[in-house]
């Protein structure tokens, strides 16, 4: 394994660790607040009101808010582990982050395309903001992919003792 370590990988890892540590605290706090402040009956009533108004997406969010926040917390915990693995230059972490970044980039591109269909009769100002937000996500994901591909020689799938990392 190469002894020289890229500072871009170290910075990427620490940024990811900081970001997903904050995400975990935020998601757990939101889940606690949502569970304490809004009983399931109120959430279902809000979901039914949204269906009557024809807003099926909001209805789904109200009906599944606890599950969405729990899944988000678990995903953030997984990604925190991946970024710790990136800091340790583990190849499995690099592969997981490559896959996650590619999936996030594809999902963001899909969201941009869908927004153009959904928001075509709405204010252009909202559309531009939406495009910029998801555009930054796409660019950031592609940058992460480039950094990880360029630094592939820093990561090892085998340690010196022959065990898989």
N, C-alpha and C. Protein backbone atom coordinates (compact mmCIF):
# COMPACT_ATOMS: atom_id res chain seq x y z
N UNK A 1 0.85 -1.18 0.00
CA UNK A 1 0.00 0.00 0.00
C UNK A 1 0.89 1.24 0.00
N UNK A 2 0.45 2.23 -0.70
CA UNK A 2 1.20 3.47 -0.82
C UNK A 2 1.23 4.18 0.53
N UNK A 3 2.44 4.62 0.96
CA UNK A 3 2.55 5.30 2.25
C UNK A 3 2.09 6.75 2.18
N UNK A 4 2.16 7.37 1.00
CA UNK A 4 1.73 8.75 0.85
C UNK A 4 0.21 8.81 0.80
N UNK A 5 -0.37 9.60 1.70
CA UNK A 5 -1.83 9.69 1.78
C UNK A 5 -2.29 11.02 1.21
N UNK A 6 -3.31 10.94 0.38
CA UNK A 6 -3.86 12.14 -0.26
C UNK A 6 -4.64 12.96 0.76
N UNK A 7 -4.36 14.25 0.78
CA UNK A 7 -5.10 15.12 1.71
C UNK A 7 -6.56 15.29 1.29
N UNK A 8 -6.84 15.15 -0.01
CA UNK A 8 -8.24 15.28 -0.45
C UNK A 8 -9.10 14.15 0.10
N UNK A 9 -8.55 12.96 0.23
CA UNK A 9 -9.30 11.84 0.82
C UNK A 9 -9.52 12.09 2.31
N UNK A 10 -8.51 12.59 2.99
CA UNK A 10 -8.64 12.88 4.42
C UNK A 10 -9.68 13.96 4.66
N UNK A 11 -9.63 15.03 3.87
CA UNK A 11 -10.61 16.11 4.01
C UNK A 11 -12.02 15.60 3.70
N UNK A 12 -12.16 14.83 2.62
CA UNK A 12 -13.46 14.24 2.26
C UNK A 12 -14.00 13.39 3.40
N UNK A 13 -13.13 12.56 3.98
CA UNK A 13 -13.56 11.68 5.08
C UNK A 13 -14.02 12.48 6.29
N UNK A 14 -13.24 13.49 6.69
CA UNK A 14 -13.63 14.27 7.87
C UNK A 14 -14.90 15.09 7.62
N UNK A 15 -15.06 15.60 6.41
CA UNK A 15 -16.31 16.31 6.08
C UNK A 15 -17.50 15.37 6.17
N UNK A 16 -17.34 14.17 5.63
CA UNK A 16 -18.41 13.18 5.70
C UNK A 16 -18.73 12.77 7.12
N UNK A 17 -17.69 12.58 7.93
CA UNK A 17 -17.90 12.22 9.34
C UNK A 17 -18.65 13.32 10.07
N UNK A 18 -18.26 14.57 9.86
CA UNK A 18 -18.93 15.70 10.51
C UNK A 18 -20.38 15.82 10.03
N UNK A 19 -20.58 15.73 8.72
CA UNK A 19 -21.92 15.87 8.16
C UNK A 19 -22.86 14.80 8.66
N UNK A 20 -22.44 13.54 8.60
CA UNK A 20 -23.35 12.47 8.97
C UNK A 20 -23.50 12.32 10.48
N UNK A 21 -22.54 12.80 11.26
CA UNK A 21 -22.74 12.86 12.71
C UNK A 21 -23.86 13.84 13.03
N UNK A 22 -23.82 15.00 12.38
CA UNK A 22 -24.89 16.00 12.56
C UNK A 22 -26.24 15.47 12.07
N UNK A 23 -26.22 14.75 10.95
CA UNK A 23 -27.46 14.19 10.40
C UNK A 23 -28.09 13.21 11.38
N UNK A 24 -27.28 12.36 11.99
CA UNK A 24 -27.81 11.37 12.93
C UNK A 24 -28.48 12.07 14.10
N UNK A 25 -27.81 13.07 14.67
CA UNK A 25 -28.39 13.81 15.80
C UNK A 25 -29.69 14.49 15.37
N UNK A 26 -29.70 15.09 14.18
CA UNK A 26 -30.89 15.78 13.68
C UNK A 26 -32.04 14.81 13.45
N UNK A 27 -31.78 13.70 12.77
CA UNK A 27 -32.85 12.74 12.48
C UNK A 27 -33.42 12.12 13.74
N UNK A 28 -32.56 11.76 14.69
CA UNK A 28 -33.04 11.18 15.94
C UNK A 28 -33.86 12.22 16.71
N UNK A 29 -33.39 13.47 16.72
CA UNK A 29 -34.17 14.53 17.37
C UNK A 29 -35.51 14.76 16.71
N UNK A 30 -35.54 14.77 15.38
CA UNK A 30 -36.81 14.94 14.67
C UNK A 30 -37.75 13.78 14.94
N UNK A 31 -37.22 12.57 14.96
CA UNK A 31 -38.04 11.39 15.22
C UNK A 31 -38.62 11.45 16.63
N UNK A 32 -37.82 11.85 17.59
CA UNK A 32 -38.29 11.97 18.97
C UNK A 32 -39.37 13.05 19.08
N UNK A 33 -39.12 14.19 18.47
CA UNK A 33 -40.09 15.29 18.52
C UNK A 33 -41.39 14.92 17.82
N UNK A 34 -41.27 14.30 16.65
CA UNK A 34 -42.46 13.92 15.89
C UNK A 34 -43.30 12.90 16.66
N UNK A 35 -42.63 11.93 17.26
CA UNK A 35 -43.35 10.90 18.01
C UNK A 35 -44.01 11.48 19.25
N UNK A 36 -43.34 12.41 19.93
CA UNK A 36 -43.89 12.99 21.15
C UNK A 36 -44.98 14.02 20.87
N UNK A 37 -44.82 14.81 19.83
CA UNK A 37 -45.73 15.93 19.58
C UNK A 37 -46.96 15.55 18.77
N UNK A 38 -46.83 14.58 17.88
CA UNK A 38 -47.94 14.25 16.97
C UNK A 38 -48.27 12.77 17.06
N UNK A 39 -49.38 12.45 17.72
CA UNK A 39 -49.80 11.05 17.79
C UNK A 39 -50.11 10.50 16.38
N UNK A 40 -50.07 9.21 16.25
CA UNK A 40 -50.30 8.56 14.96
C UNK A 40 -51.68 8.94 14.40
N UNK A 41 -52.68 9.12 15.27
CA UNK A 41 -54.03 9.47 14.79
C UNK A 41 -54.03 10.83 14.09
N UNK A 42 -53.26 11.79 14.64
CA UNK A 42 -53.19 13.11 13.99
C UNK A 42 -52.47 13.04 12.65
N UNK A 43 -51.43 12.23 12.58
CA UNK A 43 -50.70 12.07 11.32
C UNK A 43 -51.60 11.42 10.27
N UNK A 44 -52.39 10.44 10.66
CA UNK A 44 -53.29 9.79 9.70
C UNK A 44 -54.41 10.75 9.27
N UNK A 45 -54.87 11.60 10.19
CA UNK A 45 -55.88 12.60 9.83
C UNK A 45 -55.30 13.58 8.80
N UNK A 46 -54.06 14.01 9.00
CA UNK A 46 -53.39 14.91 8.05
C UNK A 46 -53.20 14.20 6.70
N UNK A 47 -52.88 12.91 6.74
CA UNK A 47 -52.72 12.15 5.49
C UNK A 47 -54.05 12.06 4.74
N UNK A 48 -55.13 11.83 5.47
CA UNK A 48 -56.45 11.76 4.82
C UNK A 48 -56.89 13.11 4.26
N UNK A 49 -56.56 14.19 4.97
CA UNK A 49 -56.88 15.54 4.46
C UNK A 49 -56.10 15.81 3.16
N UNK A 50 -54.87 15.36 3.12
CA UNK A 50 -54.05 15.56 1.91
C UNK A 50 -54.62 14.78 0.74
N UNK A 51 -55.12 13.57 0.99
CA UNK A 51 -55.74 12.77 -0.08
C UNK A 51 -56.98 13.49 -0.62
N UNK A 52 -57.79 14.04 0.28
CA UNK A 52 -58.99 14.76 -0.16
C UNK A 52 -58.63 15.97 -1.04
N UNK A 53 -57.47 16.57 -0.79
CA UNK A 53 -57.02 17.71 -1.60
C UNK A 53 -56.29 17.25 -2.86
N UNK A 54 -56.07 15.96 -3.01
CA UNK A 54 -55.39 15.44 -4.19
C UNK A 54 -53.88 15.43 -4.09
N UNK A 55 -53.34 15.67 -2.91
CA UNK A 55 -51.90 15.70 -2.71
C UNK A 55 -51.45 14.35 -2.15
N UNK A 56 -51.22 13.41 -3.05
CA UNK A 56 -50.93 12.04 -2.64
C UNK A 56 -49.52 11.89 -2.06
N UNK A 57 -48.58 12.67 -2.55
CA UNK A 57 -47.22 12.59 -2.00
C UNK A 57 -47.20 13.03 -0.54
N UNK A 58 -47.84 14.16 -0.23
CA UNK A 58 -47.90 14.63 1.16
C UNK A 58 -48.62 13.63 2.04
N UNK A 59 -49.65 13.01 1.49
CA UNK A 59 -50.37 11.98 2.23
C UNK A 59 -49.43 10.84 2.60
N UNK A 60 -48.63 10.41 1.64
CA UNK A 60 -47.68 9.32 1.89
C UNK A 60 -46.66 9.72 2.95
N UNK A 61 -46.17 10.98 2.87
CA UNK A 61 -45.19 11.46 3.85
C UNK A 61 -45.80 11.49 5.25
N UNK A 62 -47.03 12.02 5.39
CA UNK A 62 -47.67 12.06 6.71
C UNK A 62 -47.89 10.65 7.26
N UNK A 63 -48.31 9.74 6.42
CA UNK A 63 -48.60 8.39 6.87
C UNK A 63 -47.33 7.62 7.26
N UNK A 64 -46.21 7.97 6.67
CA UNK A 64 -44.97 7.22 6.87
C UNK A 64 -43.84 8.04 7.47
N UNK A 65 -44.14 9.15 8.11
CA UNK A 65 -43.09 10.07 8.60
C UNK A 65 -42.12 9.38 9.55
N UNK A 66 -42.61 8.59 10.49
CA UNK A 66 -41.72 7.91 11.44
C UNK A 66 -40.79 6.94 10.72
N UNK A 67 -41.33 6.19 9.77
CA UNK A 67 -40.51 5.23 9.02
C UNK A 67 -39.47 5.94 8.16
N UNK A 68 -39.85 7.06 7.57
CA UNK A 68 -38.91 7.83 6.74
C UNK A 68 -37.75 8.33 7.60
N UNK A 69 -38.05 8.88 8.77
CA UNK A 69 -36.99 9.38 9.65
C UNK A 69 -36.12 8.26 10.21
N UNK A 70 -36.72 7.11 10.51
CA UNK A 70 -35.94 5.97 10.99
C UNK A 70 -35.01 5.46 9.89
N UNK A 71 -35.52 5.35 8.67
CA UNK A 71 -34.69 4.90 7.54
C UNK A 71 -33.58 5.91 7.27
N UNK A 72 -33.88 7.20 7.38
CA UNK A 72 -32.86 8.23 7.19
C UNK A 72 -31.78 8.14 8.25
N UNK A 73 -32.16 7.86 9.48
CA UNK A 73 -31.19 7.69 10.56
C UNK A 73 -30.28 6.50 10.30
N UNK A 74 -30.86 5.39 9.88
CA UNK A 74 -30.06 4.19 9.59
C UNK A 74 -29.11 4.42 8.42
N UNK A 75 -29.59 5.12 7.38
CA UNK A 75 -28.73 5.43 6.23
C UNK A 75 -27.58 6.34 6.66
N UNK A 76 -27.87 7.33 7.50
CA UNK A 76 -26.82 8.24 7.98
C UNK A 76 -25.80 7.47 8.82
N UNK A 77 -26.25 6.51 9.63
CA UNK A 77 -25.32 5.70 10.42
C UNK A 77 -24.43 4.85 9.52
N UNK A 78 -25.03 4.28 8.46
CA UNK A 78 -24.25 3.48 7.53
C UNK A 78 -23.19 4.36 6.84
N UNK A 79 -23.59 5.54 6.38
CA UNK A 79 -22.65 6.42 5.70
C UNK A 79 -21.58 6.96 6.65
N UNK A 80 -21.91 7.15 7.91
CA UNK A 80 -20.90 7.54 8.89
C UNK A 80 -19.83 6.44 8.98
N UNK A 81 -20.27 5.18 9.01
CA UNK A 81 -19.33 4.07 9.02
C UNK A 81 -18.49 4.01 7.75
N UNK A 82 -19.11 4.32 6.61
CA UNK A 82 -18.38 4.34 5.34
C UNK A 82 -17.30 5.42 5.37
N UNK A 83 -17.62 6.60 5.87
CA UNK A 83 -16.62 7.68 5.91
C UNK A 83 -15.50 7.38 6.91
N UNK A 84 -15.82 6.67 7.98
CA UNK A 84 -14.75 6.22 8.88
C UNK A 84 -13.85 5.23 8.15
N UNK A 85 -14.45 4.36 7.35
CA UNK A 85 -13.67 3.43 6.52
C UNK A 85 -12.84 4.16 5.48
N UNK A 86 -13.38 5.23 4.91
CA UNK A 86 -12.62 6.04 3.94
C UNK A 86 -11.40 6.66 4.63
N UNK A 87 -11.59 7.15 5.84
CA UNK A 87 -10.47 7.74 6.58
C UNK A 87 -9.37 6.70 6.82
N UNK A 88 -9.76 5.44 7.01
CA UNK A 88 -8.79 4.36 7.22
C UNK A 88 -8.31 3.74 5.90
N UNK A 89 -8.77 4.30 4.78
CA UNK A 89 -8.39 3.85 3.42
C UNK A 89 -8.79 2.40 3.17
N UNK A 90 -10.01 2.03 3.58
CA UNK A 90 -10.54 0.69 3.33
C UNK A 90 -11.19 0.67 1.95
N UNK A 91 -10.87 -0.34 1.17
CA UNK A 91 -11.39 -0.42 -0.20
C UNK A 91 -12.91 -0.64 -0.21
N UNK A 92 -13.45 -1.42 0.73
CA UNK A 92 -14.89 -1.64 0.78
C UNK A 92 -15.63 -0.31 0.97
N UNK A 93 -15.06 0.59 1.76
CA UNK A 93 -15.68 1.89 2.00
C UNK A 93 -15.65 2.73 0.72
N UNK A 94 -14.52 2.66 0.00
CA UNK A 94 -14.41 3.40 -1.27
C UNK A 94 -15.46 2.91 -2.26
N UNK A 95 -15.64 1.60 -2.34
CA UNK A 95 -16.63 1.04 -3.28
C UNK A 95 -18.06 1.42 -2.87
N UNK A 96 -18.34 1.38 -1.56
CA UNK A 96 -19.68 1.76 -1.10
C UNK A 96 -19.95 3.24 -1.35
N UNK A 97 -18.94 4.09 -1.14
CA UNK A 97 -19.13 5.51 -1.37
C UNK A 97 -19.25 5.82 -2.86
N UNK A 98 -18.51 5.10 -3.69
CA UNK A 98 -18.67 5.26 -5.14
C UNK A 98 -20.10 4.92 -5.56
N UNK A 99 -20.62 3.80 -5.08
CA UNK A 99 -21.99 3.41 -5.41
C UNK A 99 -23.02 4.39 -4.88
N UNK A 100 -22.83 4.84 -3.64
CA UNK A 100 -23.76 5.81 -3.05
C UNK A 100 -23.75 7.13 -3.81
N UNK A 101 -22.56 7.58 -4.20
CA UNK A 101 -22.45 8.84 -4.94
C UNK A 101 -23.07 8.73 -6.32
N UNK A 102 -22.85 7.60 -6.98
CA UNK A 102 -23.46 7.40 -8.29
C UNK A 102 -24.99 7.36 -8.19
N UNK A 103 -25.50 6.67 -7.17
CA UNK A 103 -26.95 6.60 -6.97
C UNK A 103 -27.53 7.98 -6.65
N UNK A 104 -26.86 8.75 -5.81
CA UNK A 104 -27.32 10.09 -5.46
C UNK A 104 -27.31 11.00 -6.67
N UNK A 105 -26.28 10.89 -7.49
CA UNK A 105 -26.20 11.70 -8.70
C UNK A 105 -27.33 11.36 -9.67
N UNK A 106 -27.59 10.07 -9.85
CA UNK A 106 -28.67 9.64 -10.74
C UNK A 106 -30.04 10.08 -10.20
N UNK A 107 -30.24 9.95 -8.90
CA UNK A 107 -31.51 10.36 -8.30
C UNK A 107 -31.71 11.87 -8.42
N UNK A 108 -30.64 12.64 -8.28
CA UNK A 108 -30.74 14.10 -8.41
C UNK A 108 -31.06 14.51 -9.84
N UNK A 109 -30.43 13.84 -10.80
CA UNK A 109 -30.75 14.12 -12.20
C UNK A 109 -32.21 13.79 -12.50
N UNK A 110 -32.68 12.69 -11.95
CA UNK A 110 -34.10 12.32 -12.12
C UNK A 110 -35.00 13.39 -11.49
N UNK A 111 -34.64 13.88 -10.31
CA UNK A 111 -35.45 14.91 -9.65
C UNK A 111 -35.50 16.19 -10.48
N UNK A 112 -34.38 16.55 -11.11
CA UNK A 112 -34.37 17.74 -11.97
C UNK A 112 -35.32 17.54 -13.15
N UNK A 113 -35.24 16.38 -13.78
CA UNK A 113 -36.12 16.10 -14.93
C UNK A 113 -37.58 16.10 -14.51
N UNK A 114 -37.88 15.46 -13.39
CA UNK A 114 -39.27 15.41 -12.91
C UNK A 114 -39.77 16.80 -12.56
N UNK A 115 -38.90 17.63 -11.98
CA UNK A 115 -39.33 18.96 -11.59
C UNK A 115 -39.71 19.80 -12.80
N UNK A 116 -39.03 19.59 -13.91
CA UNK A 116 -39.37 20.34 -15.11
C UNK A 116 -40.76 19.96 -15.61
N UNK A 117 -41.15 18.72 -15.43
CA UNK A 117 -42.49 18.30 -15.84
C UNK A 117 -43.53 18.81 -14.85
N UNK A 118 -43.23 18.73 -13.54
CA UNK A 118 -44.19 19.09 -12.51
C UNK A 118 -44.34 20.60 -12.36
N UNK A 119 -43.25 21.33 -12.50
CA UNK A 119 -43.25 22.76 -12.21
C UNK A 119 -43.35 23.64 -13.44
N UNK A 120 -43.68 23.08 -14.59
CA UNK A 120 -43.65 23.88 -15.82
C UNK A 120 -44.61 25.06 -15.80
N UNK A 121 -45.65 25.01 -14.98
CA UNK A 121 -46.60 26.13 -14.90
C UNK A 121 -46.40 26.99 -13.66
N UNK A 122 -45.32 26.74 -12.93
CA UNK A 122 -45.06 27.49 -11.71
C UNK A 122 -43.99 28.55 -11.98
N UNK A 123 -43.70 29.29 -10.95
CA UNK A 123 -42.75 30.40 -11.09
C UNK A 123 -41.37 29.90 -11.50
N UNK A 124 -40.77 30.60 -12.44
CA UNK A 124 -39.43 30.27 -12.92
C UNK A 124 -38.41 30.38 -11.79
N UNK A 125 -38.63 31.31 -10.90
CA UNK A 125 -37.70 31.53 -9.79
C UNK A 125 -37.58 30.27 -8.93
N UNK A 126 -38.70 29.59 -8.66
CA UNK A 126 -38.67 28.35 -7.88
C UNK A 126 -37.93 27.26 -8.65
N UNK A 127 -38.18 27.18 -9.95
CA UNK A 127 -37.54 26.16 -10.79
C UNK A 127 -36.03 26.33 -10.82
N UNK A 128 -35.56 27.55 -10.94
CA UNK A 128 -34.12 27.80 -10.98
C UNK A 128 -33.47 27.40 -9.67
N UNK A 129 -34.09 27.73 -8.55
CA UNK A 129 -33.56 27.34 -7.24
C UNK A 129 -33.49 25.83 -7.09
N UNK A 130 -34.53 25.16 -7.52
CA UNK A 130 -34.59 23.70 -7.47
C UNK A 130 -33.47 23.10 -8.32
N UNK A 131 -33.31 23.61 -9.54
CA UNK A 131 -32.27 23.12 -10.44
C UNK A 131 -30.88 23.35 -9.86
N UNK A 132 -30.66 24.52 -9.27
CA UNK A 132 -29.35 24.81 -8.67
C UNK A 132 -29.05 23.88 -7.50
N UNK A 133 -30.05 23.66 -6.64
CA UNK A 133 -29.86 22.79 -5.49
C UNK A 133 -29.46 21.38 -5.92
N UNK A 134 -30.24 20.79 -6.81
CA UNK A 134 -29.93 19.42 -7.25
C UNK A 134 -28.72 19.40 -8.17
N UNK A 135 -28.47 20.49 -8.88
CA UNK A 135 -27.26 20.57 -9.70
C UNK A 135 -26.01 20.53 -8.85
N UNK A 136 -26.03 21.23 -7.70
CA UNK A 136 -24.88 21.18 -6.78
C UNK A 136 -24.70 19.77 -6.24
N UNK A 137 -25.80 19.07 -5.97
CA UNK A 137 -25.69 17.69 -5.49
C UNK A 137 -25.05 16.81 -6.55
N UNK A 138 -25.46 16.97 -7.81
CA UNK A 138 -24.87 16.18 -8.90
C UNK A 138 -23.38 16.47 -9.03
N UNK A 139 -23.02 17.75 -9.05
CA UNK A 139 -21.61 18.12 -9.18
C UNK A 139 -20.80 17.61 -7.99
N UNK A 140 -21.33 17.74 -6.79
CA UNK A 140 -20.63 17.24 -5.61
C UNK A 140 -20.45 15.74 -5.65
N UNK A 141 -21.48 15.02 -6.08
CA UNK A 141 -21.38 13.56 -6.18
C UNK A 141 -20.34 13.16 -7.22
N UNK A 142 -20.33 13.84 -8.34
CA UNK A 142 -19.35 13.52 -9.38
C UNK A 142 -17.93 13.86 -8.93
N UNK A 143 -17.79 14.92 -8.14
CA UNK A 143 -16.48 15.27 -7.60
C UNK A 143 -15.99 14.18 -6.63
N UNK A 144 -16.88 13.70 -5.78
CA UNK A 144 -16.53 12.61 -4.87
C UNK A 144 -16.10 11.37 -5.66
N UNK A 145 -16.84 11.05 -6.72
CA UNK A 145 -16.49 9.90 -7.56
C UNK A 145 -15.10 10.09 -8.16
N UNK A 146 -14.82 11.29 -8.68
CA UNK A 146 -13.50 11.56 -9.28
C UNK A 146 -12.38 11.42 -8.25
N UNK A 147 -12.59 11.97 -7.06
CA UNK A 147 -11.57 11.88 -6.01
C UNK A 147 -11.30 10.42 -5.66
N UNK A 148 -12.37 9.64 -5.52
CA UNK A 148 -12.20 8.23 -5.13
C UNK A 148 -11.56 7.40 -6.23
N UNK A 149 -11.89 7.69 -7.48
CA UNK A 149 -11.29 6.95 -8.59
C UNK A 149 -9.81 7.32 -8.72
N UNK A 150 -9.49 8.60 -8.62
CA UNK A 150 -8.10 9.03 -8.73
C UNK A 150 -7.23 8.47 -7.60
N UNK A 151 -7.82 8.25 -6.44
CA UNK A 151 -7.04 7.78 -5.28
C UNK A 151 -7.17 6.27 -5.06
N UNK A 152 -7.58 5.55 -6.08
CA UNK A 152 -7.84 4.11 -5.90
C UNK A 152 -6.60 3.34 -5.45
N UNK A 153 -5.41 3.83 -5.73
CA UNK A 153 -4.19 3.12 -5.34
C UNK A 153 -3.87 3.31 -3.86
N UNK A 154 -4.51 4.28 -3.22
CA UNK A 154 -4.30 4.47 -1.78
C UNK A 154 -5.07 3.46 -0.97
N UNK A 155 -6.06 2.84 -1.58
CA UNK A 155 -6.92 1.90 -0.88
C UNK A 155 -6.44 0.49 -1.18
N UNK A 156 -6.52 -0.35 -0.19
CA UNK A 156 -6.07 -1.72 -0.38
C UNK A 156 -7.16 -2.68 0.03
N UNK A 157 -7.34 -3.74 -0.75
CA UNK A 157 -8.32 -4.75 -0.37
C UNK A 157 -7.68 -5.81 0.51
N UNK A 158 -6.35 -5.82 0.58
CA UNK A 158 -5.64 -6.78 1.42
C UNK A 158 -4.65 -6.02 2.30
N UNK A 159 -4.60 -6.38 3.56
CA UNK A 159 -3.60 -5.77 4.43
C UNK A 159 -2.28 -6.54 4.26
N UNK A 160 -1.25 -6.07 4.92
CA UNK A 160 0.06 -6.72 4.81
C UNK A 160 0.02 -8.16 5.29
N UNK A 161 -0.87 -8.46 6.23
CA UNK A 161 -0.93 -9.81 6.78
C UNK A 161 -1.74 -10.75 5.90
N UNK A 162 -2.36 -10.23 4.85
CA UNK A 162 -3.13 -11.08 3.93
C UNK A 162 -4.60 -11.15 4.26
N UNK A 163 -5.06 -10.48 5.31
CA UNK A 163 -6.47 -10.49 5.65
C UNK A 163 -7.18 -9.45 4.82
N UNK A 164 -8.46 -9.71 4.51
CA UNK A 164 -9.26 -8.76 3.74
C UNK A 164 -9.67 -7.62 4.66
N UNK A 165 -9.49 -6.37 4.18
CA UNK A 165 -9.90 -5.18 4.95
C UNK A 165 -11.37 -4.96 4.83
